[in-house]
Every structure is written in C-alpha cells, then in structure tokens.
N, C-alpha and C. Protein backbone atom coordinates (compact mmCIF):
# COMPACT_ATOMS: atom_id res chain seq x y z
N MET A 1 97.62 90.19 122.54
CA MET A 1 98.59 90.22 121.40
C MET A 1 98.18 89.11 120.37
N LYS A 2 97.72 88.04 120.95
CA LYS A 2 97.34 86.90 120.08
C LYS A 2 96.09 87.30 119.21
N ASN A 3 95.24 88.07 119.91
CA ASN A 3 94.07 88.60 119.11
C ASN A 3 94.47 89.46 117.88
N LYS A 4 95.41 90.34 118.19
CA LYS A 4 95.82 91.22 117.08
C LYS A 4 96.58 90.33 116.02
N SER A 5 97.27 89.43 116.45
CA SER A 5 97.97 88.50 115.40
C SER A 5 97.01 87.81 114.62
N ASN A 6 95.86 87.36 115.19
CA ASN A 6 94.90 86.65 114.40
C ASN A 6 94.25 87.60 113.44
N LEU A 7 93.89 88.75 113.99
CA LEU A 7 93.21 89.73 113.07
C LEU A 7 94.25 90.07 111.86
N SER A 8 95.52 90.25 112.15
CA SER A 8 96.49 90.66 111.09
C SER A 8 96.44 89.55 110.00
N LEU A 9 96.42 88.25 110.50
CA LEU A 9 96.50 87.11 109.48
C LEU A 9 95.17 87.13 108.66
N ILE A 10 94.04 87.42 109.26
CA ILE A 10 92.73 87.49 108.57
C ILE A 10 92.80 88.61 107.68
N ILE A 11 93.31 89.73 108.00
CA ILE A 11 93.41 90.88 107.08
C ILE A 11 94.18 90.60 105.88
N SER A 12 95.25 89.78 106.16
CA SER A 12 96.17 89.34 105.03
C SER A 12 95.45 88.53 103.94
N VAL A 13 94.67 87.68 104.55
CA VAL A 13 93.85 86.72 103.58
C VAL A 13 92.87 87.49 102.91
N ILE A 14 92.06 88.37 103.60
CA ILE A 14 91.05 89.21 102.81
C ILE A 14 91.73 90.13 101.81
N ALA A 15 92.75 90.72 102.09
CA ALA A 15 93.47 91.62 101.23
C ALA A 15 93.93 90.87 99.90
N LEU A 16 94.36 89.62 100.08
CA LEU A 16 94.72 88.89 98.91
C LEU A 16 93.49 88.50 98.07
N GLY A 17 92.37 88.17 98.77
CA GLY A 17 91.12 87.85 98.07
C GLY A 17 90.69 89.09 97.21
N ILE A 18 90.71 90.23 97.89
CA ILE A 18 90.30 91.47 97.25
C ILE A 18 91.19 91.69 96.02
N SER A 19 92.48 91.48 96.14
CA SER A 19 93.48 91.73 95.10
C SER A 19 93.05 90.84 93.87
N LEU A 20 92.84 89.57 94.12
CA LEU A 20 92.38 88.70 93.06
C LEU A 20 91.03 89.13 92.39
N PHE A 21 90.14 89.54 93.23
CA PHE A 21 88.83 90.02 92.70
C PHE A 21 89.14 91.24 91.78
N ILE A 22 90.05 92.07 92.20
CA ILE A 22 90.25 93.34 91.51
C ILE A 22 90.90 93.18 90.20
N LEU A 23 91.76 92.12 90.20
CA LEU A 23 92.53 91.84 88.90
C LEU A 23 91.48 91.35 87.69
N PHE A 24 90.44 90.85 88.06
CA PHE A 24 89.56 90.31 86.95
C PHE A 24 88.35 91.24 86.71
N ARG A 25 88.36 92.52 87.19
CA ARG A 25 87.32 93.43 86.90
C ARG A 25 87.81 94.64 86.06
N PRO A 26 86.91 95.09 85.20
CA PRO A 26 87.34 96.11 84.35
C PRO A 26 87.87 97.43 85.03
N LYS A 27 88.65 98.21 84.44
CA LYS A 27 89.21 99.37 85.11
C LYS A 27 88.20 100.43 85.11
N GLU A 28 88.18 101.25 86.29
CA GLU A 28 87.16 102.24 86.45
C GLU A 28 88.04 103.46 86.84
N LYS A 29 87.28 104.56 87.32
CA LYS A 29 87.86 105.88 87.85
C LYS A 29 88.85 105.56 88.99
N GLU A 30 89.81 106.38 89.18
CA GLU A 30 90.78 106.17 90.31
C GLU A 30 90.29 107.05 91.49
N ALA A 31 90.34 106.22 92.68
CA ALA A 31 89.88 106.96 93.96
C ALA A 31 90.91 107.08 94.88
N LEU A 32 91.84 106.06 95.05
CA LEU A 32 93.00 106.01 96.01
C LEU A 32 94.05 106.92 95.49
N ALA A 33 95.14 106.93 96.27
CA ALA A 33 96.36 107.72 95.82
C ALA A 33 96.70 107.23 94.41
N PRO A 34 97.39 108.11 93.66
CA PRO A 34 97.83 107.57 92.35
C PRO A 34 98.59 106.28 92.31
N PRO A 35 98.30 105.49 91.41
CA PRO A 35 98.98 104.17 91.36
C PRO A 35 100.52 104.24 91.14
N LYS A 36 101.14 103.32 91.72
CA LYS A 36 102.59 103.23 91.54
C LYS A 36 102.70 102.05 90.50
N THR A 37 103.38 102.23 89.46
CA THR A 37 103.46 101.17 88.44
C THR A 37 104.86 100.71 88.34
N ASP A 38 105.09 99.37 88.29
CA ASP A 38 106.35 98.77 87.96
C ASP A 38 106.65 98.82 86.48
N PRO A 39 107.59 99.53 86.05
CA PRO A 39 107.87 99.73 84.61
C PRO A 39 107.98 98.41 83.93
N ALA A 40 108.50 97.39 84.58
CA ALA A 40 108.83 96.14 83.86
C ALA A 40 107.48 95.23 83.73
N SER A 41 106.65 95.37 84.67
CA SER A 41 105.44 94.55 84.64
C SER A 41 104.18 95.30 84.46
N GLY A 42 104.03 96.52 84.73
CA GLY A 42 102.93 97.30 84.57
C GLY A 42 101.88 97.01 85.67
N VAL A 43 102.42 96.33 86.74
CA VAL A 43 101.56 95.96 87.90
C VAL A 43 101.38 97.19 88.79
N ARG A 44 100.19 97.40 89.26
CA ARG A 44 99.88 98.55 90.17
C ARG A 44 99.68 97.94 91.54
N ILE A 45 100.52 98.34 92.49
CA ILE A 45 100.44 97.71 93.83
C ILE A 45 100.39 98.89 94.91
N ALA A 46 99.96 98.36 96.05
CA ALA A 46 99.85 99.25 97.28
C ALA A 46 99.83 98.20 98.47
N TYR A 47 100.06 98.80 99.63
CA TYR A 47 99.98 97.90 100.88
C TYR A 47 99.43 98.75 101.99
N ILE A 48 98.79 98.01 102.88
CA ILE A 48 98.48 98.64 104.11
C ILE A 48 99.16 97.87 105.24
N ASN A 49 99.50 98.67 106.28
CA ASN A 49 100.35 98.20 107.41
C ASN A 49 99.13 97.73 108.49
N ALA A 50 98.92 96.42 108.51
CA ALA A 50 97.88 95.87 109.44
C ALA A 50 98.23 96.22 110.95
N ASP A 51 99.50 96.30 111.26
CA ASP A 51 99.82 96.63 112.73
C ASP A 51 99.24 98.04 113.02
N THR A 52 99.49 98.98 112.05
CA THR A 52 98.94 100.28 112.22
C THR A 52 97.41 100.33 112.31
N ILE A 53 96.83 99.52 111.41
CA ILE A 53 95.35 99.48 111.39
C ILE A 53 94.90 98.92 112.84
N MET A 54 95.44 97.97 113.27
CA MET A 54 95.09 97.28 114.51
C MET A 54 95.26 98.22 115.72
N ASN A 55 96.29 99.07 115.64
CA ASN A 55 96.63 99.87 116.81
C ASN A 55 95.79 101.26 116.77
N ASN A 56 95.23 101.61 115.62
CA ASN A 56 94.78 102.99 115.50
C ASN A 56 93.35 102.95 114.93
N TYR A 57 92.70 101.91 114.51
CA TYR A 57 91.39 101.84 113.94
C TYR A 57 90.53 101.87 115.24
N LEU A 58 89.64 102.88 115.33
CA LEU A 58 88.66 103.00 116.43
C LEU A 58 87.78 101.83 116.69
N TYR A 59 87.35 101.20 115.51
CA TYR A 59 86.51 99.98 115.64
C TYR A 59 87.24 98.89 116.34
N VAL A 60 88.55 98.74 116.02
CA VAL A 60 89.31 97.63 116.59
C VAL A 60 89.32 97.84 118.07
N LYS A 61 89.62 99.08 118.52
CA LYS A 61 89.61 99.44 119.96
C LYS A 61 88.30 99.05 120.62
N GLU A 62 87.26 99.35 119.93
CA GLU A 62 85.91 99.03 120.63
C GLU A 62 85.69 97.59 120.62
N LEU A 63 86.13 96.86 119.69
CA LEU A 63 85.98 95.37 119.63
C LEU A 63 86.83 94.79 120.80
N MET A 64 88.09 95.24 120.91
CA MET A 64 89.02 94.78 121.95
C MET A 64 88.37 94.97 123.28
N ASN A 65 87.79 96.21 123.46
CA ASN A 65 87.16 96.57 124.75
C ASN A 65 86.00 95.57 125.14
N VAL A 66 85.22 95.28 124.13
CA VAL A 66 84.07 94.38 124.26
C VAL A 66 84.64 92.99 124.65
N LEU A 67 85.71 92.56 123.94
CA LEU A 67 86.22 91.22 124.20
C LEU A 67 86.86 91.19 125.58
N ALA A 68 87.57 92.24 125.94
CA ALA A 68 88.13 92.34 127.34
C ALA A 68 87.18 92.25 128.39
N GLU A 69 86.03 93.05 128.23
CA GLU A 69 84.99 92.97 129.21
C GLU A 69 84.26 91.72 129.47
N LYS A 70 83.97 91.07 128.32
CA LYS A 70 83.36 89.73 128.32
C LYS A 70 84.39 88.76 128.92
N SER A 71 85.59 88.73 128.57
CA SER A 71 86.62 87.93 129.16
C SER A 71 86.76 88.15 130.68
N THR A 72 86.84 89.35 131.12
CA THR A 72 86.92 89.68 132.55
C THR A 72 85.68 89.21 133.31
N THR A 73 84.54 89.35 132.78
CA THR A 73 83.32 88.93 133.40
C THR A 73 83.42 87.34 133.62
N MET A 74 83.77 86.73 132.59
CA MET A 74 83.80 85.19 132.75
C MET A 74 84.92 84.82 133.55
N GLU A 75 86.09 85.43 133.64
CA GLU A 75 87.10 85.11 134.48
C GLU A 75 86.77 85.30 135.92
N GLN A 76 86.09 86.44 136.27
CA GLN A 76 85.68 86.68 137.53
C GLN A 76 84.63 85.57 137.99
N ASP A 77 83.72 85.25 137.26
CA ASP A 77 82.80 84.18 137.56
C ASP A 77 83.41 82.88 137.77
N LEU A 78 84.41 82.58 136.94
CA LEU A 78 85.16 81.24 137.17
C LEU A 78 85.95 81.35 138.48
N GLN A 79 86.54 82.52 138.80
CA GLN A 79 87.42 82.65 139.94
C GLN A 79 86.45 82.44 141.28
N LYS A 80 85.28 83.12 141.06
CA LYS A 80 84.36 82.96 142.27
C LYS A 80 83.95 81.48 142.59
N LYS A 81 83.70 80.78 141.37
CA LYS A 81 83.34 79.32 141.65
C LYS A 81 84.45 78.54 142.10
N GLN A 82 85.63 78.84 141.54
CA GLN A 82 86.83 78.24 142.00
C GLN A 82 87.13 78.38 143.51
N LYS A 83 87.05 79.70 143.94
CA LYS A 83 87.15 79.91 145.32
C LYS A 83 86.13 79.21 146.27
N GLN A 84 84.89 79.17 145.80
CA GLN A 84 83.86 78.36 146.57
C GLN A 84 84.31 76.90 146.63
N TYR A 85 84.67 76.38 145.48
CA TYR A 85 85.12 74.97 145.37
C TYR A 85 86.25 74.74 146.38
N GLU A 86 87.22 75.59 146.42
CA GLU A 86 88.42 75.49 147.35
C GLU A 86 88.02 75.59 148.73
N THR A 87 87.05 76.44 149.14
CA THR A 87 86.60 76.61 150.46
C THR A 87 85.95 75.26 150.85
N ASP A 88 84.98 74.69 149.96
CA ASP A 88 84.35 73.46 150.35
C ASP A 88 85.42 72.37 150.44
N ALA A 89 86.37 72.29 149.51
CA ALA A 89 87.33 71.26 149.67
C ALA A 89 88.12 71.26 151.04
N THR A 90 88.57 72.55 151.40
CA THR A 90 89.21 72.70 152.51
C THR A 90 88.46 72.35 153.73
N TYR A 91 87.23 72.72 153.78
CA TYR A 91 86.37 72.36 154.88
C TYR A 91 86.21 70.89 154.95
N PHE A 92 85.92 70.21 153.80
CA PHE A 92 85.86 68.75 153.83
C PHE A 92 87.18 68.08 154.33
N GLN A 93 88.29 68.57 153.94
CA GLN A 93 89.56 68.04 154.42
C GLN A 93 89.69 68.05 156.01
N GLU A 94 89.30 69.38 156.48
CA GLU A 94 89.38 69.56 157.99
C GLU A 94 88.41 68.49 158.71
N GLN A 95 87.23 68.31 158.06
CA GLN A 95 86.27 67.52 158.76
C GLN A 95 86.72 65.94 158.78
N VAL A 96 87.38 65.58 157.56
CA VAL A 96 87.98 64.29 157.58
C VAL A 96 89.08 64.06 158.50
N GLN A 97 89.92 65.12 158.63
CA GLN A 97 91.06 64.93 159.66
C GLN A 97 90.56 65.01 161.01
N LYS A 98 89.49 65.57 161.43
CA LYS A 98 88.93 65.55 162.67
C LYS A 98 88.11 64.23 162.96
N GLY A 99 87.86 63.63 161.94
CA GLY A 99 87.06 62.32 162.05
C GLY A 99 85.63 62.68 162.29
N ALA A 100 85.15 63.81 161.86
CA ALA A 100 83.79 64.23 162.02
C ALA A 100 82.77 63.62 161.02
N LEU A 101 83.31 62.94 160.01
CA LEU A 101 82.48 62.41 159.02
C LEU A 101 82.53 60.91 158.99
N SER A 102 81.49 60.22 158.78
CA SER A 102 81.47 58.85 158.57
C SER A 102 82.09 58.44 157.18
N ASP A 103 82.51 57.25 157.02
CA ASP A 103 83.02 56.85 155.72
C ASP A 103 82.12 57.16 154.49
N ALA A 104 80.90 56.75 154.78
CA ALA A 104 79.74 56.97 153.74
C ALA A 104 79.61 58.37 153.36
N SER A 105 79.48 59.25 154.38
CA SER A 105 79.31 60.74 154.26
C SER A 105 80.52 61.22 153.54
N ALA A 106 81.65 60.78 153.95
CA ALA A 106 82.91 61.31 153.40
C ALA A 106 83.00 61.00 151.82
N ARG A 107 82.62 59.79 151.40
CA ARG A 107 82.64 59.37 150.14
C ARG A 107 81.56 60.28 149.24
N LYS A 108 80.45 60.47 149.77
CA LYS A 108 79.32 61.26 149.19
C LYS A 108 79.93 62.72 148.86
N ILE A 109 80.49 63.27 149.91
CA ILE A 109 80.95 64.61 149.83
C ILE A 109 82.15 64.78 148.80
N TYR A 110 83.00 63.66 148.87
CA TYR A 110 84.13 63.65 148.02
C TYR A 110 83.62 63.53 146.54
N GLU A 111 82.64 62.74 146.28
CA GLU A 111 82.08 62.59 144.94
C GLU A 111 81.45 63.95 144.49
N LYS A 112 80.77 64.55 145.37
CA LYS A 112 80.23 65.92 144.99
C LYS A 112 81.28 66.91 144.67
N LEU A 113 82.32 66.88 145.53
CA LEU A 113 83.53 67.76 145.21
C LEU A 113 84.12 67.42 143.89
N MET A 114 84.29 66.16 143.49
CA MET A 114 84.76 65.84 142.27
C MET A 114 83.95 66.24 141.02
N LEU A 115 82.64 66.19 141.28
CA LEU A 115 81.69 66.70 140.22
C LEU A 115 81.82 68.16 140.16
N LYS A 116 81.92 68.83 141.23
CA LYS A 116 82.10 70.43 141.18
C LYS A 116 83.40 70.67 140.47
N GLU A 117 84.42 69.93 140.70
CA GLU A 117 85.72 70.17 139.97
C GLU A 117 85.55 69.97 138.53
N GLN A 118 84.89 68.91 138.12
CA GLN A 118 84.66 68.60 136.76
C GLN A 118 83.78 69.79 136.17
N GLU A 119 82.77 70.19 136.80
CA GLU A 119 81.99 71.35 136.31
C GLU A 119 82.85 72.59 136.06
N LEU A 120 83.77 72.83 136.96
CA LEU A 120 84.72 74.02 136.74
C LEU A 120 85.53 73.86 135.49
N TYR A 121 86.10 72.62 135.19
CA TYR A 121 86.78 72.40 134.04
C TYR A 121 85.88 72.63 132.78
N GLN A 122 84.74 72.11 132.89
CA GLN A 122 83.80 72.28 131.77
C GLN A 122 83.47 73.73 131.57
N LEU A 123 83.16 74.47 132.66
CA LEU A 123 82.87 75.85 132.55
C LEU A 123 84.04 76.68 132.01
N ARG A 124 85.32 76.36 132.41
CA ARG A 124 86.45 77.05 131.89
C ARG A 124 86.54 76.86 130.34
N ASP A 125 86.31 75.50 129.94
CA ASP A 125 86.34 75.21 128.44
C ASP A 125 85.15 75.92 127.69
N LYS A 126 84.06 75.95 128.28
CA LYS A 126 82.90 76.65 127.72
C LYS A 126 83.16 78.13 127.53
N TYR A 127 83.73 78.71 128.59
CA TYR A 127 83.97 80.11 128.53
C TYR A 127 85.09 80.34 127.44
N GLY A 128 86.06 79.54 127.37
CA GLY A 128 87.15 79.59 126.38
C GLY A 128 86.57 79.57 124.96
N GLN A 129 85.61 78.62 124.80
CA GLN A 129 84.98 78.51 123.41
C GLN A 129 84.10 79.76 123.10
N GLU A 130 83.47 80.29 124.06
CA GLU A 130 82.64 81.45 123.91
C GLU A 130 83.48 82.67 123.49
N ILE A 131 84.63 82.80 124.09
CA ILE A 131 85.63 83.93 123.88
C ILE A 131 86.07 83.74 122.40
N ALA A 132 86.47 82.48 122.07
CA ALA A 132 86.97 82.18 120.76
C ALA A 132 85.98 82.45 119.64
N GLN A 133 84.76 82.14 119.93
CA GLN A 133 83.59 82.41 119.00
C GLN A 133 83.40 83.82 118.89
N LEU A 134 83.35 84.58 119.94
CA LEU A 134 83.26 86.05 120.04
C LEU A 134 84.35 86.68 119.16
N GLU A 135 85.69 86.29 119.36
CA GLU A 135 86.73 86.77 118.62
C GLU A 135 86.64 86.55 117.17
N ALA A 136 86.21 85.32 116.73
CA ALA A 136 86.04 85.00 115.35
C ALA A 136 84.98 85.90 114.74
N GLU A 137 83.84 86.15 115.46
CA GLU A 137 82.73 87.03 114.87
C GLU A 137 83.31 88.43 114.70
N MET A 138 84.18 88.91 115.66
CA MET A 138 84.67 90.22 115.61
C MET A 138 85.61 90.29 114.51
N ASN A 139 86.47 89.35 114.27
CA ASN A 139 87.39 89.23 113.27
C ASN A 139 86.62 89.30 111.85
N LYS A 140 85.57 88.66 111.72
CA LYS A 140 84.77 88.73 110.46
C LYS A 140 84.25 90.22 110.21
N LYS A 141 83.68 90.73 111.35
CA LYS A 141 83.17 92.07 111.22
C LYS A 141 84.34 93.09 110.81
N LEU A 142 85.46 92.88 111.38
CA LEU A 142 86.54 93.86 111.04
C LEU A 142 87.01 93.67 109.59
N LEU A 143 87.16 92.33 109.17
CA LEU A 143 87.55 92.10 107.78
C LEU A 143 86.47 92.57 106.80
N ASP A 144 85.25 92.43 107.18
CA ASP A 144 84.18 92.91 106.31
C ASP A 144 84.26 94.35 106.16
N LYS A 145 84.51 95.00 107.20
CA LYS A 145 84.62 96.58 107.10
C LYS A 145 85.92 96.95 106.27
N VAL A 146 87.01 96.28 106.54
CA VAL A 146 88.18 96.59 105.70
C VAL A 146 88.06 96.37 104.23
N ALA A 147 87.48 95.18 104.04
CA ALA A 147 87.27 94.64 102.60
C ALA A 147 86.27 95.58 101.89
N GLU A 148 85.16 95.98 102.58
CA GLU A 148 84.13 96.87 101.96
C GLU A 148 84.75 98.29 101.67
N PHE A 149 85.54 98.73 102.59
CA PHE A 149 86.21 100.10 102.26
C PHE A 149 87.08 99.97 101.18
N LEU A 150 87.91 98.97 101.12
CA LEU A 150 88.86 98.79 99.91
C LEU A 150 88.12 98.63 98.63
N LYS A 151 86.98 97.89 98.60
CA LYS A 151 86.15 97.75 97.34
C LYS A 151 85.64 99.10 96.94
N GLU A 152 85.07 99.76 97.86
CA GLU A 152 84.32 101.07 97.56
C GLU A 152 85.40 102.11 97.11
N ASN A 153 86.65 102.05 97.63
CA ASN A 153 87.48 103.13 97.47
C ASN A 153 88.71 102.86 96.46
N ASN A 154 88.83 101.64 96.10
CA ASN A 154 89.92 101.26 95.16
C ASN A 154 89.51 101.63 93.75
N ASN A 155 88.36 101.34 93.30
CA ASN A 155 87.94 101.63 91.93
C ASN A 155 89.00 101.17 90.90
N PHE A 156 89.57 99.99 91.29
CA PHE A 156 90.50 99.24 90.41
C PHE A 156 91.78 100.10 89.95
N THR A 157 92.11 101.02 90.93
CA THR A 157 93.43 101.77 90.82
C THR A 157 94.62 100.85 91.02
N TYR A 158 94.48 99.81 91.87
CA TYR A 158 95.48 98.96 92.12
C TYR A 158 95.16 97.55 91.65
N ASP A 159 96.18 96.82 91.31
CA ASP A 159 95.96 95.37 90.85
C ASP A 159 96.06 94.58 92.16
N TYR A 160 96.89 95.03 93.07
CA TYR A 160 97.16 94.30 94.36
C TYR A 160 97.21 95.25 95.50
N ILE A 161 96.53 94.89 96.57
CA ILE A 161 96.73 95.68 97.79
C ILE A 161 97.15 94.61 98.80
N LEU A 162 98.35 94.72 99.13
CA LEU A 162 98.94 93.73 100.13
C LEU A 162 98.86 94.13 101.50
N ASN A 163 98.97 93.21 102.37
CA ASN A 163 98.92 93.37 103.78
C ASN A 163 100.29 93.19 104.36
N TYR A 164 100.72 94.28 105.03
CA TYR A 164 102.10 94.12 105.76
C TYR A 164 101.99 94.23 107.29
N THR A 165 102.61 93.20 107.83
CA THR A 165 102.82 93.12 109.24
C THR A 165 104.25 93.00 109.66
N TYR A 166 104.53 93.42 110.81
CA TYR A 166 106.01 93.31 111.22
C TYR A 166 106.42 91.87 111.11
N ASN A 167 105.71 90.93 111.57
CA ASN A 167 106.15 89.55 111.65
C ASN A 167 105.54 88.72 110.46
N GLY A 168 105.08 89.36 109.38
CA GLY A 168 104.43 88.58 108.35
C GLY A 168 105.53 88.19 107.31
N ASP A 169 104.87 87.79 106.06
CA ASP A 169 105.62 87.34 105.04
C ASP A 169 106.34 88.35 104.16
N ILE A 170 105.90 89.56 104.15
CA ILE A 170 106.56 90.64 103.43
C ILE A 170 107.63 91.15 104.33
N LEU A 171 108.88 91.14 103.83
CA LEU A 171 109.99 91.52 104.74
C LEU A 171 110.37 93.02 104.47
N LEU A 172 110.10 93.56 103.25
CA LEU A 172 110.56 94.90 103.03
C LEU A 172 109.46 95.55 102.27
N THR A 173 109.24 96.87 102.57
CA THR A 173 108.20 97.62 101.83
C THR A 173 108.83 98.94 101.40
N ASN A 174 108.30 99.49 100.31
CA ASN A 174 108.70 100.87 99.85
C ASN A 174 107.56 101.74 100.32
N PRO A 175 107.85 102.86 101.08
CA PRO A 175 106.92 103.62 101.55
C PRO A 175 105.95 104.42 100.53
N GLU A 176 106.56 104.33 99.32
CA GLU A 176 105.76 105.05 98.20
C GLU A 176 104.41 104.31 97.89
N TYR A 177 104.45 103.02 98.27
CA TYR A 177 103.27 102.14 97.89
C TYR A 177 102.39 102.02 99.15
N ASP A 178 102.73 102.72 100.37
CA ASP A 178 101.91 102.59 101.49
C ASP A 178 100.63 103.42 101.44
N ILE A 179 99.50 102.85 101.56
CA ILE A 179 98.16 103.50 101.63
C ILE A 179 97.63 103.44 102.90
N THR A 180 98.26 103.01 103.93
CA THR A 180 97.78 102.80 105.30
C THR A 180 97.08 104.05 105.80
N ARG A 181 97.65 105.15 105.70
CA ARG A 181 97.05 106.41 106.35
C ARG A 181 95.74 106.70 105.63
N PHE A 182 95.68 106.63 104.36
CA PHE A 182 94.44 106.88 103.66
C PHE A 182 93.35 105.91 104.19
N VAL A 183 93.64 104.60 104.15
CA VAL A 183 92.76 103.56 104.56
C VAL A 183 92.38 103.77 106.04
N LEU A 184 93.19 104.00 106.94
CA LEU A 184 92.96 104.20 108.37
C LEU A 184 92.06 105.43 108.52
N ASP A 185 92.41 106.48 107.91
CA ASP A 185 91.62 107.74 108.04
C ASP A 185 90.15 107.49 107.46
N GLY A 186 90.04 106.90 106.37
CA GLY A 186 88.76 106.51 105.75
C GLY A 186 87.94 105.64 106.68
N LEU A 187 88.47 104.52 107.22
CA LEU A 187 87.89 103.65 108.19
C LEU A 187 87.39 104.39 109.43
N ASN A 188 88.26 105.22 109.94
CA ASN A 188 87.78 105.88 111.23
C ASN A 188 86.76 106.92 110.95
N THR A 189 86.85 107.61 109.80
CA THR A 189 85.79 108.57 109.38
C THR A 189 84.42 107.77 109.27
N LEU A 190 84.48 106.69 108.49
CA LEU A 190 83.17 105.93 108.36
C LEU A 190 82.66 105.45 109.67
N HIS A 191 83.60 104.98 110.54
CA HIS A 191 83.16 104.43 111.84
C HIS A 191 82.52 105.55 112.70
N GLN A 192 83.08 106.69 112.66
CA GLN A 192 82.55 107.86 113.52
C GLN A 192 81.16 108.25 112.96
N LYS A 193 80.95 108.10 111.58
CA LYS A 193 79.66 108.41 110.91
C LYS A 193 78.64 107.42 111.39
N GLU A 194 79.06 106.10 111.32
CA GLU A 194 78.18 105.03 111.65
C GLU A 194 77.63 105.08 113.21
N LYS A 195 78.59 105.62 114.04
CA LYS A 195 78.20 105.68 115.49
C LYS A 195 77.15 106.83 115.69
N GLN A 196 77.25 107.85 114.87
CA GLN A 196 76.29 108.96 114.97
C GLN A 196 74.99 108.60 114.42
C-alpha cells in the first residue's frame, strides 16, 4: 500500500509539472476528450484518478510483481541467515550451560556470534536500501510513461491535468472532467504494443 501511495504522490507531482509546461506552450490540435471550460476563467481542466491508474495499469502490476519477487527473495535469504544464526546461538548457549567450553573459547565464539548478528542487521539495511532504490527507479519509469503519454496525447487541449487520489489534496471532483479511462486505456494499449 505504501508503494502505491508513493507512486500516487509522484504522479501528482509530474501531473502538476506537465500542467505548467502545457500552460506556456502554443495551442495545437485537440486529441483528448473535448475540453471543459470554466466560463468565468476560460481555464480548461481535466483530472486522472491515480488510484484507478495504480490498480488497473498493466505496467504497474508488472512493476509490483518484480518488486514483490525481489523483496521475497531478499526476505527468504535474510530468514535463512537469521535461522542459521539462531541455531548457532542456541548451540553456543547449550555448550556454555554444559560447561563444555573454556572461557577463552566461549569469548571467541560469543564475539563471532555478535559479528554475525551485526552482519544480519547490515544485510537487512542493505536489502531495505536496495528495495527502496528499486522502488524509486520503478516510480520514475512509471511517471515517465504517464508523462510521455500525456504530452503526446494532450496537444494542449487542457491547461491543467490534475491528479486525484482518494486521500489526496483534491477533495471533490466533477466526473465531466475525468479523463482517467482515456489515459488508462491508452497506457495499457501502448504497454501491450511495447511488450510485443
């Protein structure tokens, strides 16, 4: 859920950037749905529902699968090493309780166990950073695809294309301005062509 929230936030930022870019470009032919114009201001707006894009864009599903697989692999590796550490620590405790180890041997083994524990913490942090980096790269790829699609298909029909999410800053939307279905269908069509 956090991944989707981060992607929604990034989509919001890119949509705002695209809107500003569009404002300062000359008007060209219209490609998206007919513009909705506010009679008082003459501003042409539309919005996309990022939650719908996140839940239905095939590319997002593929990215999430890659992220989940990588995360699962790392988690399994970490659990395996954690289990080995716990086995070694338990064996060490048993040997100490039996008095089977000299003080010098016990200290050496204890120091090695502490090093292993530290390595586990470092590995967990490393894996966390790798997942965060992969997520950031995926977010960028997703935003690039959405931004490119909007640039290619807006043709300055709209002055603003806003990003709506359920828990975002926009609290109310008018369905007349919703171009989510057009954008989602276009993105999925392009994605399927790219895969072929």
